[in-house]
Amino acid sequence: MNDPNEMGLFPNEPKGPRNGCFIIFAVLAATALFFWLFQDALF
């Protein structure tokens, strides 16, 4: 996480599959965090 390029913040310099994995992980983490924080409101 020291190099911003490894975090997928700069799509102009793709790092191969690692970028895709980070994006998928970020989406899943955000979704899980959202449901965890708002589970009382949703259910």
PDB file of N, CA and C in Angstrom:
ATOM      1  N   MET A   1       0.841  -1.189   0.000  1.00  0.00           N
ATOM      2  CA  MET A   1       0.000   0.000   0.000  1.00  0.00           C
ATOM      3  C   MET A   1       0.886   1.252   0.000  1.00  0.00           C
ATOM      4  N   ASN A   2       2.188   1.058  -0.065  1.00  0.00           N
ATOM      5  CA  ASN A   2       3.076   2.215  -0.095  1.00  0.00           C
ATOM      6  C   ASN A   2       3.027   2.902  -1.453  1.00  0.00           C
ATOM      7  N   ASP A   3       2.926   2.097  -2.512  1.00  0.00           N
ATOM      8  CA  ASP A   3       2.873   2.647  -3.861  1.00  0.00           C
ATOM      9  C   ASP A   3       1.419   2.767  -4.299  1.00  0.00           C
ATOM     10  N   PRO A   4       0.933   3.988  -4.557  1.00  0.00           N
ATOM     11  CA  PRO A   4      -0.470   4.178  -4.970  1.00  0.00           C
ATOM     12  C   PRO A   4      -0.822   3.372  -6.211  1.00  0.00           C
ATOM     13  N   ASN A   5       0.166   3.119  -7.089  1.00  0.00           N
ATOM     14  CA  ASN A   5      -0.112   2.354  -8.296  1.00  0.00           C
ATOM     15  C   ASN A   5      -0.572   0.946  -7.955  1.00  0.00           C
ATOM     16  N   GLU A   6      -0.072   0.396  -6.855  1.00  0.00           N
ATOM     17  CA  GLU A   6      -0.442  -0.958  -6.452  1.00  0.00           C
ATOM     18  C   GLU A   6      -1.870  -1.006  -5.925  1.00  0.00           C
ATOM     19  N   MET A   7      -2.398   0.149  -5.575  1.00  0.00           N
ATOM     20  CA  MET A   7      -3.752   0.195  -5.038  1.00  0.00           C
ATOM     21  C   MET A   7      -4.784   0.376  -6.151  1.00  0.00           C
ATOM     22  N   GLY A   8      -4.325   0.535  -7.388  1.00  0.00           N
ATOM     23  CA  GLY A   8      -5.255   0.671  -8.501  1.00  0.00           C
ATOM     24  C   GLY A   8      -5.841   2.065  -8.602  1.00  0.00           C
ATOM     25  N   LEU A   9      -5.165   3.059  -8.057  1.00  0.00           N
ATOM     26  CA  LEU A   9      -5.680   4.426  -8.105  1.00  0.00           C
ATOM     27  C   LEU A   9      -5.382   5.083  -9.447  1.00  0.00           C
ATOM     28  N   PHE A  10      -4.419   4.518 -10.182  1.00  0.00           N
ATOM     29  CA  PHE A  10      -4.058   5.088 -11.466  1.00  0.00           C
ATOM     30  C   PHE A  10      -4.260   4.052 -12.570  1.00  0.00           C
ATOM     31  N   PRO A  11      -5.454   4.014 -13.181  1.00  0.00           N
ATOM     32  CA  PRO A  11      -5.750   3.019 -14.221  1.00  0.00           C
ATOM     33  C   PRO A  11      -4.871   3.186 -15.458  1.00  0.00           C
ATOM     34  N   ASN A  12      -4.195   4.333 -15.595  1.00  0.00           N
ATOM     35  CA  ASN A  12      -3.321   4.547 -16.744  1.00  0.00           C
ATOM     36  C   ASN A  12      -2.080   3.669 -16.667  1.00  0.00           C
ATOM     37  N   GLU A  13      -1.778   3.172 -15.472  1.00  0.00           N
ATOM     38  CA  GLU A  13      -0.620   2.293 -15.300  1.00  0.00           C
ATOM     39  C   GLU A  13      -1.069   0.982 -14.664  1.00  0.00           C
ATOM     40  N   PRO A  14      -1.745   0.133 -15.447  1.00  0.00           N
ATOM     41  CA  PRO A  14      -2.268  -1.124 -14.904  1.00  0.00           C
ATOM     42  C   PRO A  14      -1.149  -2.059 -14.481  1.00  0.00           C
ATOM     43  N   LYS A  15      -1.394  -2.797 -13.399  1.00  0.00           N
ATOM     44  CA  LYS A  15      -0.389  -3.737 -12.900  1.00  0.00           C
ATOM     45  C   LYS A  15      -0.815  -5.180 -13.172  1.00  0.00           C
ATOM     46  N   GLY A  16      -1.669  -5.357 -14.181  1.00  0.00           N
ATOM     47  CA  GLY A  16      -2.124  -6.704 -14.498  1.00  0.00           C
ATOM     48  C   GLY A  16      -3.313  -7.101 -13.639  1.00  0.00           C
ATOM     49  N   PRO A  17      -3.417  -8.403 -13.309  1.00  0.00           N
ATOM     50  CA  PRO A  17      -4.567  -8.921 -12.560  1.00  0.00           C
ATOM     51  C   PRO A  17      -4.673  -8.311 -11.163  1.00  0.00           C
ATOM     52  N   ARG A  18      -3.566  -7.786 -10.653  1.00  0.00           N
ATOM     53  CA  ARG A  18      -3.571  -7.253  -9.288  1.00  0.00           C
ATOM     54  C   ARG A  18      -4.558  -6.088  -9.165  1.00  0.00           C
ATOM     55  N   ASN A  19      -4.638  -5.254 -10.206  1.00  0.00           N
ATOM     56  CA  ASN A  19      -5.579  -4.140 -10.179  1.00  0.00           C
ATOM     57  C   ASN A  19      -7.005  -4.639 -10.078  1.00  0.00           C
ATOM     58  N   GLY A  20      -7.338  -5.635 -10.904  1.00  0.00           N
ATOM     59  CA  GLY A  20      -8.694  -6.179 -10.895  1.00  0.00           C
ATOM     60  C   GLY A  20      -9.037  -6.786  -9.551  1.00  0.00           C
ATOM     61  N   CYS A  21      -8.077  -7.488  -8.967  1.00  0.00           N
ATOM     62  CA  CYS A  21      -8.320  -8.123  -7.664  1.00  0.00           C
ATOM     63  C   CYS A  21      -8.573  -7.064  -6.596  1.00  0.00           C
ATOM     64  N   PHE A  22      -7.828  -5.970  -6.665  1.00  0.00           N
ATOM     65  CA  PHE A  22      -8.010  -4.917  -5.663  1.00  0.00           C
ATOM     66  C   PHE A  22      -9.383  -4.272  -5.809  1.00  0.00           C
ATOM     67  N   ILE A  23      -9.806  -4.029  -7.061  1.00  0.00           N
ATOM     68  CA  ILE A  23     -11.115  -3.410  -7.296  1.00  0.00           C
ATOM     69  C   ILE A  23     -12.220  -4.318  -6.774  1.00  0.00           C
ATOM     70  N   ILE A  24     -12.121  -5.623  -7.078  1.00  0.00           N
ATOM     71  CA  ILE A  24     -13.136  -6.573  -6.610  1.00  0.00           C
ATOM     72  C   ILE A  24     -13.146  -6.614  -5.086  1.00  0.00           C
ATOM     73  N   PHE A  25     -11.961  -6.655  -4.481  1.00  0.00           N
ATOM     74  CA  PHE A  25     -11.863  -6.692  -3.021  1.00  0.00           C
ATOM     75  C   PHE A  25     -12.454  -5.423  -2.410  1.00  0.00           C
ATOM     76  N   ALA A  26     -12.176  -4.273  -3.025  1.00  0.00           N
ATOM     77  CA  ALA A  26     -12.682  -3.003  -2.501  1.00  0.00           C
ATOM     78  C   ALA A  26     -14.205  -2.966  -2.554  1.00  0.00           C
ATOM     79  N   VAL A  27     -14.776  -3.456  -3.667  1.00  0.00           N
ATOM     80  CA  VAL A  27     -16.236  -3.465  -3.805  1.00  0.00           C
ATOM     81  C   VAL A  27     -16.863  -4.397  -2.770  1.00  0.00           C
ATOM     82  N   LEU A  28     -16.288  -5.587  -2.625  1.00  0.00           N
ATOM     83  CA  LEU A  28     -16.834  -6.544  -1.654  1.00  0.00           C
ATOM     84  C   LEU A  28     -16.701  -6.009  -0.230  1.00  0.00           C
ATOM     85  N   ALA A  29     -15.563  -5.404   0.065  1.00  0.00           N
ATOM     86  CA  ALA A  29     -15.346  -4.863   1.413  1.00  0.00           C
ATOM     87  C   ALA A  29     -16.320  -3.724   1.700  1.00  0.00           C
ATOM     88  N   ALA A  30     -16.522  -2.853   0.722  1.00  0.00           N
ATOM     89  CA  ALA A  30     -17.443  -1.729   0.913  1.00  0.00           C
ATOM     90  C   ALA A  30     -18.866  -2.226   1.110  1.00  0.00           C
ATOM     91  N   THR A  31     -19.255  -3.240   0.320  1.00  0.00           N
ATOM     92  CA  THR A  31     -20.606  -3.796   0.451  1.00  0.00           C
ATOM     93  C   THR A  31     -20.795  -4.448   1.812  1.00  0.00           C
ATOM     94  N   ALA A  32     -19.815  -5.242   2.225  1.00  0.00           N
ATOM     95  CA  ALA A  32     -19.912  -5.916   3.523  1.00  0.00           C
ATOM     96  C   ALA A  32     -19.950  -4.891   4.658  1.00  0.00           C
ATOM     97  N   LEU A  33     -19.117  -3.868   4.561  1.00  0.00           N
ATOM     98  CA  LEU A  33     -19.086  -2.836   5.595  1.00  0.00           C
ATOM     99  C   LEU A  33     -20.416  -2.093   5.650  1.00  0.00           C
ATOM    100  N   PHE A  34     -20.987  -1.810   4.467  1.00  0.00           N
ATOM    101  CA  PHE A  34     -22.274  -1.113   4.410  1.00  0.00           C
ATOM    102  C   PHE A  34     -23.351  -1.922   5.117  1.00  0.00           C
ATOM    103  N   PHE A  35     -23.441  -3.215   4.776  1.00  0.00           N
ATOM    104  CA  PHE A  35     -24.468  -4.061   5.400  1.00  0.00           C
ATOM    105  C   PHE A  35     -24.211  -4.229   6.894  1.00  0.00           C
ATOM    106  N   TRP A  36     -22.929  -4.273   7.277  1.00  0.00           N
ATOM    107  CA  TRP A  36     -22.605  -4.438   8.700  1.00  0.00           C
ATOM    108  C   TRP A  36     -23.004  -3.201   9.496  1.00  0.00           C
ATOM    109  N   LEU A  37     -22.789  -2.022   8.896  1.00  0.00           N
ATOM    110  CA  LEU A  37     -23.107  -0.781   9.607  1.00  0.00           C
ATOM    111  C   LEU A  37     -24.604  -0.509   9.642  1.00  0.00           C
ATOM    112  N   PHE A  38     -25.308  -0.867   8.563  1.00  0.00           N
ATOM    113  CA  PHE A  38     -26.717  -0.498   8.434  1.00  0.00           C
ATOM    114  C   PHE A  38     -27.662  -1.683   8.572  1.00  0.00           C
ATOM    115  N   GLN A  39     -27.169  -2.800   9.126  1.00  0.00           N
ATOM    116  CA  GLN A  39     -28.024  -3.982   9.233  1.00  0.00           C
ATOM    117  C   GLN A  39     -29.216  -3.704  10.148  1.00  0.00           C
ATOM    118  N   ASP A  40     -29.022  -2.875  11.168  1.00  0.00           N
ATOM    119  CA  ASP A  40     -30.131  -2.558  12.069  1.00  0.00           C
ATOM    120  C   ASP A  40     -31.201  -1.747  11.341  1.00  0.00           C
ATOM    121  N   ALA A  41     -30.775  -0.855  10.457  1.00  0.00           N
ATOM    122  CA  ALA A  41     -31.726  -0.018   9.733  1.00  0.00           C
ATOM    123  C   ALA A  41     -32.418  -0.810   8.622  1.00  0.00           C
ATOM    124  N   LEU A  42     -31.668  -1.720   7.981  1.00  0.00           N
ATOM    125  CA  LEU A  42     -32.241  -2.474   6.863  1.00  0.00           C
ATOM    126  C   LEU A  42     -33.170  -3.569   7.354  1.00  0.00           C
ATOM    127  N   PHE A  43     -32.793  -4.198   8.466  1.00  0.00           N
ATOM    128  CA  PHE A  43     -33.605  -5.309   8.967  1.00  0.00           C
ATOM    129  C   PHE A  43     -34.284  -4.933  10.273  1.00  0.00           C
TER     130      PHE A  43
END
